[in-house]
Each structure stands twice: as structure tokens, then as C-alpha cells.
Amino acid sequence: MNAIDTSSTVGTNDPDDTSTRAVTAGNTRGVYERRPFNFGRWFRATGWRHVVGIVMIVFSCFPLLFVLSSSLNPQGTLTGSNALFSAIGFESYLRILSSPDIPYTSWFMNTLLVAGITAIATVFLGALAAYAFSRMRFTGRRFGLVSIVIIQMFPQLLAVVAIFLLMSKIGDWFPALGLNTHIGLIMVYLGGALGVNTFLMYGFFNTVPKEIDEAAKIDGASHARIFFTIILRLVAPILAVVALLSFIATVNEFVVASVILIDPEKQTLAVGLTKLVSNPRYADWSAFCAGAVMAALPVMALFLYLQKYIVGGLTAGSVK
């Protein structure tokens, strides 16, 4: 008596049930009919994005291909490199590595030393400052954050003369920190990079829930233990981004390095390679391009190694 007939039920979840398909009147074809391809409709919807992307890729890759072609050109001139890869040879690489007048190996090692120490110190000191601004409440906290932002409005180039005079006076008292020293150059780089990197890491630290700190404090953990064992692991993406940006900026920096480093054996790649083309009559553009290509290899390797952290590190701190 209470049996219910389910044989006439429609709209079941069975994917093979043909009763769930909408069928037009007088026509056995379903509503999921595939429309023919229309180029105009596709171009208005998504096609123009592909065109813009291809143009930007070509625009970005052309200078790289030109430098690579110039480094392989035995003629050593830029005008002879207008035709990409018209002549291929490795004489420029051998000349810049074996010439006694070009201490390229010393420049390369100096650059790696200065950039590596600057990146590590920037990450460590910036993380300490960002943790303090994010987790602690003290007098002058807001003023310190605002000061960091305002100071970054003035480019470091404006302070080159002041930096030179300051380092000259410091060298009279502490020669190891004065002019023509790598430690002095690193100190200058740290002073210019800590502000913006601290503010960048401060935004990322705010995305870490404070309940984690409170739970650790209940278990008896101090600020130092929380910072080194918990927070640093959670903010690894922003640490990788700051290290990468600091490393790239140090490798490419020229003005401050040219002012502080005087001895050719202590100069960095940006300063040393400029000497190869400083004289227009004897400019060796092929060797310059070869040195630039080899200088880009460690930056590319570090970028590829930290690539998985870059997107998350740059965007996570901006949504808080």
C-alpha cells in the first residue's frame, strides 16, 4: 500500500540516464551543441591577450639575445653585431678570462662576496625589525614605520657625496670600515636596503596569526624562541624574495661601488666591466657582453631556485 513507484522519476543523478538531457521540441539534438569557431569572437574575448603577451616577450628577450650575440661576435664591435648570430666564436670569453689586464675572476668573486653577505644580512636584520614592529607594542612604533616609508622616498644617489665623506672620515679611525673596503660597501648597502625590505616583511609578518605566538608563550617560549623556531619557518617566502631582490640589486649597483672601491682588484663586476668600454676608441664591447653574460648566470640560478617563493612572497603581504 505504501510502496512508491520510482520508475517515472526524472532528473536522477545517473550520468547515463537520458531523461536528464534537455531535448528541443521536434529535434533530437541536445542544448550542448558546439558552436563553430569564430575568430572575431575569440580575439575579442582572449585572443588580444595572447598578442600582447607575445609582443612583451619579444620586447623583453631582444636585448638579451643582442647581448648574447655580441658576446659571441669575434669582431668586438656593436655595429658588427646588428645581425644576430652572424658570427659565432668564443674568443671574447677566453680573452676576458685569461687576459692579465682584466681581473675578471677577482671582480666576479668580489661581487658574489658582497652580494651574498648583503643579502643574508638584509634578510636577518630586516626580519628582526619586522618582527618587532609586527608583534611588539612600544613607544615610537608608528613613528618608526612612517619614517621608514618617508626615508625611502629619497634615492640613495642623492647621498653619494655624503657617503664618500662619511666613509673617508670613518676610514681615518677604523681603516677596515672606510673607503676601498668590502665591509664598508656592505654597510652602505645595508643602510639603504633595510628600510624598504623591513616594511615589505612587516606586511607579510602581519598575515601570520598572532594566536600562534600566544600558544607558544603559554608553553613558556620566549620571543627569541618564537622568532627563530616558528616565525622564520612560516615567513620563508618573503625571506626568499627579499634575499633575491637584495642580491640582484647589489650585483647591478654601480654608483656607490664606484665611489667606495678604488683598487681594481677589489672592484665589483659593475664597476670593472665599465672600464672595458669607458674609452670610446678602445671599447671592447664583445668582452663587455661576455662578462655581462657570465655575471647573469648566478642571478639566473638563484632566481630559478627561489622561483616557487616569489609569487607568494610578493602578494601575501599586500592583502592584510
Protein backbone atom coordinates (compact mmCIF):
# COMPACT_ATOMS: atom_id res chain seq x y z
CA MET A 1 0.00 0.00 0.00
CA ASN A 2 2.81 2.39 0.91
CA ALA A 3 5.10 1.41 -1.96
CA ILE A 4 6.17 4.31 -4.11
CA ASP A 5 6.75 3.84 -7.80
CA THR A 6 10.10 5.40 -8.73
CA SER A 7 10.15 4.25 -12.30
CA SER A 8 8.75 7.57 -13.52
CA THR A 9 11.10 9.81 -11.56
CA VAL A 10 13.11 12.20 -13.72
CA GLY A 11 16.26 14.17 -13.00
CA THR A 12 18.19 11.34 -11.36
CA ASN A 13 21.91 11.56 -10.75
CA ASP A 14 22.71 8.71 -13.08
CA PRO A 15 25.02 10.13 -15.77
CA ASP A 16 23.75 7.53 -18.23
CA ASP A 17 20.10 8.49 -17.73
CA THR A 18 19.00 10.10 -20.97
CA SER A 19 15.94 11.59 -19.30
CA THR A 20 18.13 14.32 -17.72
CA ARG A 21 19.05 15.79 -21.09
CA ALA A 22 17.09 18.71 -22.36
CA VAL A 23 15.77 17.98 -25.81
CA THR A 24 14.36 20.63 -28.07
CA ALA A 25 10.91 20.20 -29.48
CA GLY A 26 10.97 18.29 -32.75
CA ASN A 27 14.74 17.93 -32.61
CA THR A 28 16.82 15.12 -31.09
CA ARG A 29 19.96 17.23 -30.61
CA GLY A 30 20.86 18.41 -27.07
CA VAL A 31 21.40 22.01 -25.97
CA TYR A 32 25.16 21.38 -25.58
CA GLU A 33 25.74 21.74 -29.28
CA ARG A 34 29.23 23.08 -30.02
CA ARG A 35 29.20 26.34 -31.90
CA PRO A 36 31.54 26.82 -34.87
CA PHE A 37 34.79 28.68 -34.23
CA ASN A 38 34.56 32.41 -34.76
CA PHE A 39 37.90 34.22 -34.95
CA GLY A 40 36.46 37.65 -34.20
CA ARG A 41 34.65 36.46 -31.09
CA TRP A 42 37.75 34.58 -29.88
CA PHE A 43 40.02 37.57 -30.49
CA ARG A 44 37.74 39.96 -28.59
CA ALA A 45 37.48 37.55 -25.65
CA THR A 46 41.02 36.19 -25.17
CA GLY A 47 42.97 36.45 -28.41
CA TRP A 48 44.20 40.01 -27.85
CA ARG A 49 45.83 38.88 -24.60
CA HIS A 50 47.96 36.38 -26.50
CA VAL A 51 49.06 39.10 -28.91
CA VAL A 52 50.04 41.44 -26.06
CA GLY A 53 51.89 38.61 -24.31
CA ILE A 54 53.87 37.70 -27.43
CA VAL A 55 54.82 41.34 -28.04
CA MET A 56 56.03 41.74 -24.45
CA ILE A 57 58.05 38.52 -24.63
CA VAL A 58 59.77 39.64 -27.84
CA PHE A 59 60.38 43.10 -26.37
CA SER A 60 61.96 41.59 -23.25
CA CYS A 61 64.03 38.91 -24.96
CA PHE A 62 65.52 41.03 -27.75
CA PRO A 63 68.10 42.85 -25.54
CA LEU A 64 69.16 39.52 -24.05
CA LEU A 65 69.59 37.97 -27.48
CA PHE A 66 71.52 41.02 -28.68
CA VAL A 67 73.94 40.86 -25.73
CA LEU A 68 74.42 37.12 -26.23
CA SER A 69 75.03 37.63 -29.96
CA SER A 70 77.52 40.43 -29.26
CA SER A 71 79.43 38.26 -26.79
CA LEU A 72 79.83 35.57 -29.45
CA ASN A 73 80.89 38.02 -32.17
CA PRO A 74 84.70 37.93 -32.65
CA GLN A 75 84.77 41.46 -34.12
CA GLY A 76 84.23 43.11 -30.75
CA THR A 77 82.02 45.95 -32.03
CA LEU A 78 78.34 46.66 -31.58
CA THR A 79 77.83 47.71 -35.19
CA GLY A 80 79.11 44.34 -36.34
CA SER A 81 76.56 42.62 -34.09
CA ASN A 82 73.47 44.15 -35.64
CA ALA A 83 72.85 40.89 -37.50
CA LEU A 84 72.12 38.47 -34.68
CA PHE A 85 74.46 35.49 -34.53
CA SER A 86 76.05 36.35 -37.89
CA ALA A 87 79.43 35.23 -36.49
CA ILE A 88 79.94 32.86 -33.59
CA GLY A 89 83.12 32.44 -31.59
CA PHE A 90 84.30 32.18 -28.01
CA GLU A 91 87.34 34.44 -28.31
CA SER A 92 85.73 37.11 -26.11
CA TYR A 93 85.15 34.67 -23.28
CA LEU A 94 88.71 33.37 -23.47
CA ARG A 95 90.12 36.90 -23.65
CA ILE A 96 88.26 38.19 -20.61
CA LEU A 97 89.13 35.12 -18.54
CA SER A 98 92.80 34.85 -19.50
CA SER A 99 93.92 38.45 -20.01
CA PRO A 100 96.20 39.71 -17.19
CA ASP A 101 94.88 43.25 -17.72
CA ILE A 102 91.31 42.19 -16.93
CA PRO A 103 90.97 40.73 -13.41
CA TYR A 104 87.54 39.32 -14.19
CA THR A 105 87.84 36.46 -11.70
CA SER A 106 88.55 38.91 -8.87
CA TRP A 107 85.61 41.08 -9.92
CA PHE A 108 83.34 38.05 -10.04
CA MET A 109 84.36 36.75 -6.61
CA ASN A 110 84.11 40.24 -5.07
CA THR A 111 80.59 40.60 -6.45
CA LEU A 112 79.47 37.24 -5.09
CA LEU A 113 81.02 38.01 -1.70
CA VAL A 114 79.48 41.46 -1.34
CA ALA A 115 76.08 40.46 -2.77
CA GLY A 116 75.86 37.25 -0.74
CA ILE A 117 76.73 38.86 2.60
CA THR A 118 74.45 41.82 1.87
CA ALA A 119 71.52 39.55 1.04
CA ILE A 120 71.94 37.38 4.15
CA ALA A 121 72.42 40.34 6.48
CA THR A 122 69.49 42.20 4.95
CA VAL A 123 67.18 39.23 5.45
CA PHE A 124 68.30 38.65 9.05
CA LEU A 125 68.25 42.27 10.24
CA GLY A 126 65.08 43.09 8.31
CA ALA A 127 63.29 40.06 9.76
CA LEU A 128 64.26 41.11 13.29
CA ALA A 129 62.96 44.64 12.73
CA ALA A 130 59.77 43.43 11.01
CA TYR A 131 59.04 41.02 13.87
CA ALA A 132 59.45 43.81 16.41
CA PHE A 133 57.14 46.16 14.51
CA SER A 134 54.57 43.45 13.90
CA ARG A 135 54.40 41.71 17.30
CA MET A 136 55.54 44.25 19.89
CA ARG A 137 53.93 47.49 21.04
CA PHE A 138 56.35 50.20 22.13
CA THR A 139 56.67 53.96 22.12
CA GLY A 140 57.59 55.33 18.71
CA ARG A 141 56.43 52.27 16.78
CA ARG A 142 54.13 54.14 14.40
CA PHE A 143 56.64 56.96 14.01
CA GLY A 144 59.30 54.41 13.08
CA LEU A 145 57.12 52.83 10.40
CA VAL A 146 56.27 56.21 8.90
CA SER A 147 59.93 57.24 8.99
CA ILE A 148 60.91 54.12 7.07
CA VAL A 149 58.44 54.97 4.30
CA ILE A 150 59.47 58.63 4.12
CA ILE A 151 63.19 57.86 4.01
CA GLN A 152 62.69 55.56 1.03
CA MET A 153 61.26 58.47 -0.95
CA PHE A 154 64.77 59.90 -1.34
CA PRO A 155 67.04 57.91 -3.68
CA GLN A 156 70.42 56.76 -2.44
CA LEU A 157 72.06 58.58 -5.36
CA LEU A 158 71.46 61.91 -3.63
CA ALA A 159 73.66 60.85 -0.73
CA VAL A 160 76.71 59.76 -2.73
CA VAL A 161 78.79 62.78 -1.73
CA ALA A 162 77.78 62.44 1.92
CA ILE A 163 78.55 58.70 1.82
CA PHE A 164 82.01 59.38 0.39
CA LEU A 165 82.85 61.98 3.07
CA LEU A 166 81.43 59.79 5.83
CA MET A 167 83.37 56.71 4.74
CA SER A 168 86.52 58.79 4.38
CA LYS A 169 86.24 60.02 7.99
CA ILE A 170 85.39 56.54 9.28
CA GLY A 171 88.46 55.17 7.47
CA ASP A 172 90.69 57.53 9.46
CA TRP A 173 89.55 55.88 12.71
CA PHE A 174 88.66 52.36 11.52
CA PRO A 175 90.51 51.54 8.27
CA ALA A 176 88.64 48.23 7.92
CA LEU A 177 85.32 50.11 7.50
CA GLY A 178 86.48 53.02 5.37
CA LEU A 179 86.99 53.58 1.68
CA ASN A 180 88.21 50.80 -0.60
CA THR A 181 86.90 48.06 1.71
CA HIS A 182 84.23 45.46 1.07
CA ILE A 183 82.93 45.71 4.63
CA GLY A 184 82.36 49.44 4.24
CA LEU A 185 80.48 48.87 0.98
CA ILE A 186 78.32 46.20 2.62
CA MET A 187 77.47 48.58 5.47
CA VAL A 188 76.35 51.23 2.99
CA TYR A 189 74.20 48.71 1.13
CA LEU A 190 72.61 47.52 4.38
CA GLY A 191 71.70 51.07 5.35
CA GLY A 192 69.95 51.65 2.05
CA ALA A 193 68.13 48.31 1.84
CA LEU A 194 66.86 47.75 5.38
CA GLY A 195 64.09 50.35 5.17
CA VAL A 196 62.09 49.09 2.22
CA ASN A 197 62.75 45.43 3.00
CA THR A 198 61.67 45.87 6.62
CA PHE A 199 58.39 47.42 5.51
CA LEU A 200 57.88 44.65 2.95
CA MET A 201 58.45 41.93 5.55
CA TYR A 202 56.32 43.79 8.08
CA GLY A 203 53.26 43.36 5.85
CA PHE A 204 53.96 39.66 5.48
CA PHE A 205 54.51 39.15 9.22
CA ASN A 206 51.05 40.61 9.86
CA THR A 207 49.50 37.75 7.87
CA VAL A 208 50.81 35.20 10.39
CA PRO A 209 48.13 34.67 13.08
CA LYS A 210 49.12 36.04 16.47
CA GLU A 211 47.41 33.06 18.13
CA ILE A 212 50.49 31.03 17.22
CA ASP A 213 52.66 33.35 19.30
CA GLU A 214 50.21 33.26 22.20
CA ALA A 215 50.12 29.46 22.19
CA ALA A 216 53.90 29.33 22.24
CA LYS A 217 54.06 31.85 25.10
CA ILE A 218 51.69 29.69 27.15
CA ASP A 219 54.14 26.82 26.71
CA GLY A 220 56.92 29.04 28.05
CA ALA A 221 58.60 30.11 24.79
CA SER A 222 60.40 33.44 24.70
CA HIS A 223 60.35 35.96 21.84
CA ALA A 224 63.67 34.67 20.57
CA ARG A 225 62.49 31.06 20.52
CA ILE A 226 59.22 32.02 18.81
CA PHE A 227 61.08 34.04 16.20
CA PHE A 228 63.76 31.51 15.31
CA THR A 229 61.78 28.25 15.60
CA ILE A 230 58.27 29.25 14.47
CA ILE A 231 58.00 32.59 12.68
CA LEU A 232 61.01 32.23 10.38
CA ARG A 233 59.66 28.96 9.01
CA LEU A 234 56.23 30.46 8.33
CA VAL A 235 57.60 33.54 6.55
CA ALA A 236 60.10 31.67 4.35
CA PRO A 237 58.55 33.03 1.08
CA ILE A 238 59.15 36.69 1.94
CA LEU A 239 62.66 35.91 3.19
CA ALA A 240 63.47 34.32 -0.16
CA VAL A 241 62.04 37.29 -2.06
CA VAL A 242 64.00 39.83 -0.02
CA ALA A 243 67.20 37.81 -0.41
CA LEU A 244 66.71 37.60 -4.18
CA LEU A 245 65.89 41.29 -4.62
CA SER A 246 68.82 42.33 -2.42
CA PHE A 247 71.22 40.05 -4.30
CA ILE A 248 70.12 41.33 -7.71
CA ALA A 249 70.26 44.98 -6.62
CA THR A 250 73.78 44.55 -5.21
CA VAL A 251 75.08 42.83 -8.35
CA ASN A 252 73.68 45.60 -10.57
CA GLU A 253 74.68 48.56 -8.37
CA PHE A 254 77.33 50.81 -9.88
CA VAL A 255 77.35 54.35 -8.45
CA VAL A 256 78.10 53.66 -4.78
CA ALA A 257 80.52 50.83 -5.61
CA SER A 258 82.47 53.08 -7.99
CA VAL A 259 82.79 55.74 -5.30
CA ILE A 260 83.90 53.48 -2.45
CA LEU A 261 86.02 50.86 -4.25
CA ILE A 262 89.19 52.33 -5.77
CA ASP A 263 91.58 49.40 -6.07
CA PRO A 264 90.89 47.48 -9.35
CA GLU A 265 91.42 44.17 -7.58
CA LYS A 266 88.64 44.96 -5.09
CA GLN A 267 86.06 46.30 -7.52
CA THR A 268 82.83 44.55 -8.41
CA LEU A 269 81.66 43.45 -11.84
CA ALA A 270 79.51 46.52 -12.46
CA VAL A 271 82.49 48.80 -11.90
CA GLY A 272 85.13 46.63 -13.54
CA LEU A 273 83.25 45.87 -16.73
CA THR A 274 82.57 49.56 -17.29
CA LYS A 275 86.31 50.13 -17.75
CA LEU A 276 86.25 47.92 -20.85
CA VAL A 277 84.00 50.42 -22.66
CA SER A 278 84.88 53.68 -20.91
CA ASN A 279 87.23 54.70 -23.73
CA PRO A 280 85.23 55.00 -26.99
CA ARG A 281 88.35 54.44 -29.14
CA TYR A 282 89.35 51.19 -27.48
CA ALA A 283 85.99 49.91 -26.26
CA ASP A 284 85.86 46.11 -26.22
CA TRP A 285 82.11 45.59 -26.44
CA SER A 286 82.41 41.89 -27.16
CA ALA A 287 84.35 41.25 -23.95
CA PHE A 288 81.96 43.51 -22.06
CA CYS A 289 78.96 41.49 -23.27
CA ALA A 290 80.75 38.22 -22.49
CA GLY A 291 81.39 39.39 -18.93
CA ALA A 292 77.76 40.50 -18.59
CA VAL A 293 76.50 37.10 -19.75
CA MET A 294 78.67 35.26 -17.23
CA ALA A 295 77.65 37.70 -14.49
CA ALA A 296 73.99 36.92 -15.15
CA LEU A 297 74.43 33.18 -14.56
CA PRO A 298 74.43 33.21 -10.71
CA VAL A 299 71.46 35.59 -10.69
CA MET A 300 69.51 33.28 -13.01
CA ALA A 301 70.42 30.23 -10.94
CA LEU A 302 69.27 31.92 -7.72
CA PHE A 303 66.08 33.13 -9.38
CA LEU A 304 65.19 29.66 -10.65
CA TYR A 305 65.96 28.13 -7.26
CA LEU A 306 63.71 30.61 -5.40
CA GLN A 307 61.03 30.83 -8.08
CA LYS A 308 58.41 28.92 -6.08
CA TYR A 309 58.59 31.51 -3.29
CA ILE A 310 58.48 34.66 -5.40
CA VAL A 311 54.78 34.95 -6.24
CA GLY A 312 53.57 34.01 -2.76
CA GLY A 313 56.11 36.23 -1.06
CA LEU A 314 55.26 39.33 -3.08
CA THR A 315 51.47 39.04 -2.90
CA ALA A 316 50.71 37.59 0.55
CA GLY A 317 51.85 40.66 2.43
CA SER A 318 49.63 43.01 0.41
CA VAL A 319 46.24 41.56 1.34
CA LYS A 320 46.33 42.18 5.09
